[in-house]
Every structure is written in structure tokens, then in C-alpha cells.
Amino acid sequence: MTENPTGARRPGRAVLHRARTLPPWSLLVAGALTGGLLGGAYGALKTPEYTATSYLVAVPAEGSDPAGALGFAQAYGRVATQLAVLGDAQVWAGVPVATLKDSVRTATSPDAPMVAVTATSQRPDLAADMANAVARALTRHADAGVKTTDVKLQRFARAVKPTEPSSASPALTGLVGASAGGLLGGLALLVRPRRAATESAGRPAAVPGPAVAADAHGQL
């Protein structure tokens, strides 16, 4: 009794055949759905972050050049995240210097002598405290050198406790994931071999049948 070695492979071949017969757009749909689910789950499980910003303005002293305030504002923006300023700010913020260095960013404007001190934290109250603490420390350092610079920093707007997170919402992360998944599905569709080429490659070559006896007799 002989065994049929191809019998065990029939279920696998059937699954492969079904996969080949799926419409091409199914890859796009599958990729978009998978990416959307993963992106939405990431946005829902990730801890939200909050951002608060304190604004300072550079004011020239009496009799000094007003244009110098713009240059000093940009210089103070670069100094705000240095150890000398953060070392004083940690006393009022109640967090280590390393936390301030990772969470606080500054920005300046090329048109206005202003400095924006922005802090990000998972706690909204801590974000506001860190931004105000760094702004306060930077103001003290500017006041210490006002006799040399003829420019002082004044608080323009105090950072307030944010009411909404600044991080992306689950809906947004889900949309980004769906877009990325659809893109990957489209790339997979481009590299997918054509069905006709696959079937022709797997089909055995046709062997010509024997000539009819009448034709063979006519050729002799």
C-alpha cells in the first residue's frame, strides 16, 4: 500500500489559493485597519503630557539703544537652559536640575525682544511651576547684570495650569496609524507578484501529443 505524499499538503495549498484569489485592495484595507487599531491603542495607553509657557520681555534702560534689547533677548533665551539658571530654578520648581533640563525649552523671536519658556510634564500643575521657576531664575540673572547690559527682563505673561493635554489624542494617533498601515499595504501591493505570472510559473509546460497515424504516413 503506497502513501500519497501530496494529501497532507492540500489544506495548505487551499489556504494559499484563497490568499491569491483575494482582491488587491484587501491589502490596503487590512493595513489601514491594523495601523488604526495599533495607533489608537498607543494613544489611549500613553500617559498624556501637558505644556505651559511663561513669557518674558527684554526692556532697555533709559538712554540705551532699544535695538540692543533684541540681541540680549536672544542671548537670554540660550542661557535659560544652562546649569547656572536651572540650579536656581530647581528651588522654586521642586524638581531636580536633570528634570528641568529635559522638560524645559526656550524660544525667541527675531522681530520682538521676547523669551518664551515652555515646560512639559505629565502633571499640569508641575508644567506651570517649572516654566515659572525658570522664568523667575532667568529674570534674577538678568537683573544681576543690568549695569553691564543696560537691559532687564520683565515678566510679560505668567504660565498658567493647562486644562487640556498637549500630546496627541487617541483619535489622532489612530488616524496616523491608519495612514501608515495603508501606506505599507500599498507597498506590499506593489511588490506582490501578479496572479497571471504566478499561475503561469506554477503550471507545467505542455507536451505535444503524438502525431496522428495518417499524418505520420503522409510524411513518409
Protein backbone atom coordinates (compact mmCIF):
# COMPACT_ATOMS: atom_id res chain seq x y z
CA MET A 1 0.00 0.00 0.00
CA THR A 2 1.51 3.33 -1.06
CA GLU A 3 1.02 6.63 0.74
CA ASN A 4 0.02 9.79 -1.04
CA PRO A 5 2.60 12.47 -0.02
CA THR A 6 0.55 15.26 -1.53
CA GLY A 7 -2.54 14.62 0.56
CA ALA A 8 -1.21 16.40 3.66
CA ARG A 9 -0.35 19.47 1.63
CA ARG A 10 -3.82 20.06 0.27
CA PRO A 11 -5.07 22.25 3.19
CA GLY A 12 -2.02 24.48 2.90
CA ARG A 13 -2.45 24.75 -0.83
CA ALA A 14 -6.09 25.63 -0.37
CA VAL A 15 -5.22 28.45 2.02
CA LEU A 16 -2.56 29.73 -0.36
CA HIS A 17 -5.00 29.60 -3.22
CA ARG A 18 -7.57 31.59 -1.24
CA ALA A 19 -4.96 34.21 -0.36
CA ARG A 20 -4.06 34.55 -4.01
CA THR A 21 -7.67 35.00 -5.03
CA LEU A 22 -8.27 37.91 -2.60
CA PRO A 23 -8.83 41.26 -4.33
CA PRO A 24 -5.77 43.55 -4.43
CA TRP A 25 -7.44 46.29 -2.39
CA SER A 26 -7.74 43.90 0.57
CA LEU A 27 -4.09 44.61 1.42
CA LEU A 28 -4.84 48.32 1.70
CA VAL A 29 -7.87 47.71 3.92
CA ALA A 30 -6.02 45.25 6.15
CA GLY A 31 -3.06 47.57 6.54
CA ALA A 32 -5.22 50.59 7.33
CA LEU A 33 -7.32 48.71 9.89
CA THR A 34 -4.27 47.21 11.62
CA GLY A 35 -2.44 50.54 11.72
CA GLY A 36 -5.52 52.36 13.00
CA LEU A 37 -6.04 49.86 15.82
CA LEU A 38 -2.39 49.97 16.87
CA GLY A 39 -2.24 53.78 16.69
CA GLY A 40 -5.45 54.21 18.65
CA ALA A 41 -4.28 51.77 21.33
CA TYR A 42 -0.98 53.65 21.65
CA GLY A 43 -2.75 56.98 22.09
CA ALA A 44 -5.13 55.53 24.67
CA LEU A 45 -2.45 53.79 26.76
CA LYS A 46 0.18 56.56 26.62
CA THR A 47 0.16 58.95 29.57
CA PRO A 48 -0.91 62.43 28.41
CA GLU A 49 1.52 65.34 28.65
CA TYR A 50 0.77 68.98 29.46
CA THR A 51 2.60 72.11 28.33
CA ALA A 52 2.78 75.55 29.99
CA THR A 53 4.60 78.66 28.76
CA SER A 54 5.84 81.78 30.55
CA TYR A 55 6.80 84.89 28.55
CA LEU A 56 9.49 87.45 29.35
CA VAL A 57 10.26 90.72 27.59
CA ALA A 58 13.64 92.49 27.43
CA VAL A 59 13.35 96.18 28.30
CA PRO A 60 16.25 98.61 27.58
CA ALA A 61 17.33 101.01 30.29
CA GLU A 62 16.89 104.75 29.89
CA GLY A 63 19.35 106.25 27.46
CA SER A 64 20.38 102.86 25.97
CA ASP A 65 19.90 101.63 22.43
CA PRO A 66 16.49 99.91 22.06
CA ALA A 67 17.88 97.65 19.33
CA GLY A 68 20.21 96.06 21.88
CA ALA A 69 17.25 94.60 23.76
CA LEU A 70 16.51 92.26 20.85
CA GLY A 71 20.01 90.84 20.85
CA PHE A 72 20.04 90.36 24.62
CA ALA A 73 16.64 88.65 24.49
CA GLN A 74 18.06 86.04 22.13
CA ALA A 75 21.10 85.64 24.34
CA TYR A 76 18.96 85.14 27.45
CA GLY A 77 16.93 82.55 25.57
CA ARG A 78 20.08 80.49 25.06
CA VAL A 79 21.22 80.94 28.65
CA ALA A 80 17.89 79.93 30.21
CA THR A 81 18.60 76.19 29.99
CA GLN A 82 22.13 76.42 31.36
CA LEU A 83 23.09 74.97 34.71
CA ALA A 84 23.51 78.35 36.40
CA VAL A 85 19.87 79.26 35.77
CA LEU A 86 18.39 75.81 36.30
CA GLY A 87 20.26 75.44 39.57
CA ASP A 88 18.31 78.38 40.98
CA ALA A 89 15.05 77.33 39.34
CA GLN A 90 15.03 73.89 40.96
CA VAL A 91 14.44 75.51 44.36
CA TRP A 92 11.13 77.02 43.26
CA ALA A 93 10.09 74.18 40.94
CA GLY A 94 10.79 71.44 43.49
CA VAL A 95 12.36 69.09 40.90
CA PRO A 96 15.97 68.14 40.13
CA VAL A 97 18.05 70.02 37.57
CA ALA A 98 18.02 66.98 35.28
CA THR A 99 14.22 67.10 35.14
CA LEU A 100 14.26 70.79 34.25
CA LYS A 101 16.88 70.22 31.56
CA ASP A 102 14.76 67.51 29.93
CA SER A 103 11.42 69.28 30.29
CA VAL A 104 12.12 72.99 29.65
CA ARG A 105 12.64 74.61 26.27
CA THR A 106 13.03 78.27 25.29
CA ALA A 107 12.22 80.19 22.13
CA THR A 108 12.93 83.72 20.95
CA SER A 109 11.62 85.90 18.14
CA PRO A 110 13.78 87.64 15.53
CA ASP A 111 11.34 90.55 15.50
CA ALA A 112 10.45 91.11 19.16
CA PRO A 113 12.64 91.13 22.31
CA MET A 114 10.71 88.32 23.99
CA VAL A 115 11.68 84.99 25.53
CA ALA A 116 9.22 82.09 25.80
CA VAL A 117 9.96 79.50 28.49
CA THR A 118 7.98 76.29 27.90
CA ALA A 119 7.82 73.29 30.22
CA THR A 120 6.25 69.87 29.58
CA SER A 121 5.15 67.39 32.22
CA GLN A 122 2.64 64.63 32.86
CA ARG A 123 1.22 66.85 35.63
CA PRO A 124 -0.37 70.13 34.50
CA ASP A 125 0.48 71.95 37.73
CA LEU A 126 4.12 70.88 37.56
CA ALA A 127 4.40 72.10 33.97
CA ALA A 128 3.30 75.59 35.03
CA ASP A 129 5.57 75.55 38.11
CA MET A 130 8.65 74.63 36.09
CA ALA A 131 8.02 77.28 33.44
CA ASN A 132 7.51 80.00 36.05
CA ALA A 133 10.52 78.85 38.08
CA VAL A 134 12.90 79.03 35.12
CA ALA A 135 11.48 82.41 34.07
CA ARG A 136 11.96 83.73 37.60
CA ALA A 137 15.56 82.49 37.78
CA LEU A 138 16.36 83.96 34.38
CA THR A 139 14.94 87.33 35.43
CA ARG A 140 17.14 87.37 38.53
CA HIS A 141 20.25 86.63 36.45
CA ALA A 142 19.34 89.42 34.04
CA ASP A 143 18.83 91.87 36.90
CA ALA A 144 22.25 90.99 38.29
CA GLY A 145 23.95 92.19 35.10
CA VAL A 146 21.72 95.12 34.22
CA LYS A 147 24.50 97.62 34.95
CA THR A 148 26.61 95.99 32.25
CA THR A 149 23.95 95.17 29.67
CA ASP A 150 21.58 98.14 30.20
CA VAL A 151 18.77 95.60 29.60
CA LYS A 152 16.46 93.98 32.12
CA LEU A 153 13.94 91.20 31.79
CA GLN A 154 10.37 91.65 32.91
CA ARG A 155 7.62 89.09 33.12
CA PHE A 156 5.16 89.60 30.30
CA ALA A 157 2.80 86.67 30.97
CA ARG A 158 2.86 84.08 33.73
CA ALA A 159 2.42 80.40 32.92
CA VAL A 160 -0.94 79.02 34.00
CA LYS A 161 -2.02 75.47 34.68
CA PRO A 162 -3.08 73.87 31.36
CA THR A 163 -6.54 72.36 31.20
CA GLU A 164 -6.00 70.10 28.17
CA PRO A 165 -3.09 67.82 27.28
CA SER A 166 -0.74 68.87 24.52
CA SER A 167 0.03 65.30 23.47
CA ALA A 168 -1.78 63.66 20.57
CA SER A 169 -5.25 62.22 21.24
CA PRO A 170 -6.13 58.56 20.52
CA ALA A 171 -8.15 59.68 17.50
CA LEU A 172 -5.14 61.46 16.02
CA THR A 173 -2.72 58.60 16.70
CA GLY A 174 -5.26 56.19 15.24
CA LEU A 175 -5.51 58.31 12.09
CA VAL A 176 -1.73 58.42 11.77
CA GLY A 177 -1.53 54.66 12.29
CA ALA A 178 -4.20 54.03 9.67
CA SER A 179 -2.32 56.21 7.18
CA ALA A 180 0.94 54.38 7.87
CA GLY A 181 -0.77 51.00 7.64
CA GLY A 182 -2.43 51.92 4.36
CA LEU A 183 0.93 53.03 3.00
CA LEU A 184 2.55 49.74 3.97
CA GLY A 185 -0.35 47.88 2.40
CA GLY A 186 0.13 49.83 -0.81
CA LEU A 187 3.84 48.99 -0.85
CA ALA A 188 3.01 45.32 -0.30
CA LEU A 189 0.57 45.54 -3.18
CA LEU A 190 3.27 46.92 -5.46
CA VAL A 191 5.73 44.13 -4.70
CA ARG A 192 3.06 41.44 -4.84
CA PRO A 193 3.59 39.16 -7.88
CA ARG A 194 0.85 39.23 -10.45
CA ARG A 195 -1.61 36.38 -10.38
CA ALA A 196 -1.14 35.54 -14.04
CA ALA A 197 2.62 35.36 -13.69
CA THR A 198 2.32 33.18 -10.61
CA GLU A 199 -0.11 30.78 -12.24
CA SER A 200 1.96 30.52 -15.42
CA ALA A 201 5.09 29.86 -13.37
CA GLY A 202 3.43 27.07 -11.42
CA ARG A 203 1.73 25.44 -14.44
CA PRO A 204 3.76 22.59 -16.07
CA ALA A 205 4.83 23.02 -19.66
CA ALA A 206 2.54 21.42 -22.22
CA VAL A 207 3.94 18.36 -24.01
CA PRO A 208 2.83 17.91 -27.62
CA GLY A 209 0.84 14.73 -28.23
CA PRO A 210 1.86 12.02 -30.68
CA ALA A 211 1.16 12.62 -34.31
CA VAL A 212 -1.87 11.01 -35.87
CA ALA A 213 -1.16 7.87 -37.80
CA ALA A 214 -2.49 9.44 -41.01
CA ASP A 215 -0.18 12.43 -40.68
CA ALA A 216 2.78 10.21 -39.96
CA HIS A 217 2.00 8.06 -43.03
CA GLY A 218 1.80 11.16 -45.22
CA GLN A 219 5.24 12.33 -44.12
CA LEU A 220 6.92 9.00 -45.03
